[in-house]
C-alpha atoms as a PDB file:
ATOM      1  CA  MET A   1      -1.359 -33.387 -16.984  1.00  0.00           C
ATOM      2  CA  LYS A   2      -5.126 -33.653 -16.715  1.00  0.00           C
ATOM      3  CA  LYS A   3      -4.885 -35.196 -13.243  1.00  0.00           C
ATOM      4  CA  THR A   4      -2.764 -32.254 -12.072  1.00  0.00           C
ATOM      5  CA  GLU A   5      -5.257 -29.740 -13.459  1.00  0.00           C
ATOM      6  CA  THR A   6      -8.141 -31.601 -11.805  1.00  0.00           C
ATOM      7  CA  ALA A   7      -6.285 -31.695  -8.482  1.00  0.00           C
ATOM      8  CA  LYS A   8      -5.627 -27.953  -8.716  1.00  0.00           C
ATOM      9  CA  GLU A   9      -9.268 -27.264  -9.553  1.00  0.00           C
ATOM     10  CA  THR A  10     -10.399 -29.385  -6.595  1.00  0.00           C
ATOM     11  CA  ALA A  11      -7.988 -27.566  -4.279  1.00  0.00           C
ATOM     12  CA  MET A  12      -9.282 -24.215  -5.533  1.00  0.00           C
ATOM     13  CA  ASP A  13     -12.875 -25.358  -4.913  1.00  0.00           C
ATOM     14  CA  ASN A  14     -12.029 -25.976  -1.244  1.00  0.00           C
ATOM     15  CA  ASN A  15     -10.699 -22.439  -0.776  1.00  0.00           C
ATOM     16  CA  ILE A  16     -12.923 -19.672   0.538  1.00  0.00           C
ATOM     17  CA  LEU A  17     -13.039 -16.427  -1.433  1.00  0.00           C
ATOM     18  CA  VAL A  18     -12.976 -13.786   1.275  1.00  0.00           C
ATOM     19  CA  GLY A  19     -12.441 -10.557  -0.643  1.00  0.00           C
ATOM     20  CA  TYR A  20     -10.496  -8.529  -3.184  1.00  0.00           C
ATOM     21  CA  VAL A  21      -7.453  -6.274  -3.357  1.00  0.00           C
ATOM     22  CA  ARG A  22      -7.391  -3.204  -5.620  1.00  0.00           C
ATOM     23  CA  ARG A  23      -5.091  -0.260  -6.101  1.00  0.00           C
ATOM     24  CA  SER A  24      -6.508   3.081  -4.979  1.00  0.00           C
ATOM     25  CA  ASN A  25      -7.422   5.574  -7.705  1.00  0.00           C
ATOM     26  CA  ALA A  26      -4.470   7.735  -6.697  1.00  0.00           C
ATOM     27  CA  GLY A  27      -2.237   4.649  -6.841  1.00  0.00           C
ATOM     28  CA  GLY A  28      -0.613   5.275  -3.483  1.00  0.00           C
ATOM     29  CA  ALA A  29      -2.372   2.542  -1.515  1.00  0.00           C
ATOM     30  CA  LEU A  30      -3.994  -0.863  -1.750  1.00  0.00           C
ATOM     31  CA  LYS A  31      -7.669  -1.232  -0.903  1.00  0.00           C
ATOM     32  CA  ILE A  32      -8.731  -4.520   0.663  1.00  0.00           C
ATOM     33  CA  SER A  33     -12.432  -5.367   0.642  1.00  0.00           C
ATOM     34  CA  ILE A  34     -13.488  -8.277   2.851  1.00  0.00           C
ATOM     35  CA  ASN A  35     -16.888  -9.950   2.565  1.00  0.00           C
ATOM     36  CA  THR A  36     -18.093 -10.191   6.162  1.00  0.00           C
ATOM     37  CA  ALA A  37     -20.300 -13.231   5.510  1.00  0.00           C
ATOM     38  CA  ALA A  38     -17.387 -15.147   3.951  1.00  0.00           C
ATOM     39  CA  PHE A  39     -15.074 -13.953   6.719  1.00  0.00           C
ATOM     40  CA  THR A  40     -17.270 -15.544   9.387  1.00  0.00           C
ATOM     41  CA  ASP A  41     -17.005 -18.891   7.530  1.00  0.00           C
ATOM     42  CA  CYS A  42     -13.208 -18.867   7.777  1.00  0.00           C
ATOM     43  CA  SER A  43     -11.280 -20.984  10.229  1.00  0.00           C
ATOM     44  CA  THR A  44      -9.158 -19.252  12.849  1.00  0.00           C
ATOM     45  CA  TYR A  45      -6.176 -19.993  15.027  1.00  0.00           C
ATOM     46  CA  MET A  46      -5.259 -18.773  18.485  1.00  0.00           C
ATOM     47  CA  THR A  47      -1.865 -17.488  19.567  1.00  0.00           C
ATOM     48  CA  SER A  48      -0.283 -18.152  22.947  1.00  0.00           C
ATOM     49  CA  ASP A  49      -1.387 -14.732  24.196  1.00  0.00           C
ATOM     50  CA  GLY A  50      -5.046 -15.600  23.532  1.00  0.00           C
ATOM     51  CA  GLN A  51      -5.504 -13.539  20.357  1.00  0.00           C
ATOM     52  CA  SER A  52      -7.553 -15.087  17.527  1.00  0.00           C
ATOM     53  CA  TYR A  53      -6.505 -14.669  13.875  1.00  0.00           C
ATOM     54  CA  VAL A  54      -7.916 -15.567  10.442  1.00  0.00           C
ATOM     55  CA  PRO A  55      -5.132 -16.768   8.117  1.00  0.00           C
ATOM     56  CA  LEU A  56      -5.643 -15.323   4.626  1.00  0.00           C
ATOM     57  CA  VAL A  57      -3.637 -15.561   1.405  1.00  0.00           C
ATOM     58  CA  ILE A  58      -2.989 -13.143  -1.466  1.00  0.00           C
ATOM     59  CA  SER A  59      -0.937 -14.370  -4.413  1.00  0.00           C
ATOM     60  CA  LEU A  60       2.291 -12.393  -4.501  1.00  0.00           C
ATOM     61  CA  GLY A  61       2.504 -12.541  -8.312  1.00  0.00           C
ATOM     62  CA  ALA A  62      -1.074 -11.360  -8.741  1.00  0.00           C
ATOM     63  CA  LEU A  63      -0.566  -8.622  -6.134  1.00  0.00           C
ATOM     64  CA  GLN A  64       2.530  -7.374  -7.961  1.00  0.00           C
ATOM     65  CA  LYS A  65       0.439  -7.146 -11.145  1.00  0.00           C
ATOM     66  CA  VAL A  66      -2.196  -5.096  -9.292  1.00  0.00           C
ATOM     67  CA  ILE A  67       0.513  -2.791  -7.931  1.00  0.00           C
ATOM     68  CA  SER A  68       2.075  -2.342 -11.380  1.00  0.00           C
ATOM     69  CA  GLY A  69      -1.306  -1.720 -13.006  1.00  0.00           C
ATOM     70  CA  GLU A  70      -1.310  -4.875 -15.161  1.00  0.00           C
ATOM     71  CA  ARG A  71      -4.380  -6.150 -13.289  1.00  0.00           C
ATOM     72  CA  ALA A  72      -7.221  -4.223 -11.724  1.00  0.00           C
ATOM     73  CA  VAL A  73      -7.960  -6.652  -8.905  1.00  0.00           C
ATOM     74  CA  THR A  74      -6.879  -9.905  -7.248  1.00  0.00           C
ATOM     75  CA  THR A  75      -8.441 -12.150  -4.641  1.00  0.00           C
ATOM     76  CA  VAL A  76      -8.024 -12.659  -0.902  1.00  0.00           C
ATOM     77  CA  THR A  77      -8.679 -16.284   0.054  1.00  0.00           C
ATOM     78  CA  GLN A  78      -8.373 -18.767   2.857  1.00  0.00           C
ATOM     79  CA  LEU A  79      -6.718 -21.994   1.740  1.00  0.00           C
ATOM     80  CA  HIS A  80      -8.176 -25.335   2.766  1.00  0.00           C
ATOM     81  CA  ASP A  81      -6.479 -28.698   2.303  1.00  0.00           C
END
């Protein structure tokens, strides 16, 4: 079990924290705050029409907790292998 935890910790260390997601005070929207310095460190990919994108990840379970009010905030990250 310890090896699995260490592997998960190592994988998390390779990820880039890019920002946070919060519920608005009124509760009718999600607010996404992106750190511009971290964003520029992210890798990108290009689509066939020449557009460049930054692939980001938000945990669905954590996001559902933010939406329901169980959590105040969750993270936006870019995963690295």
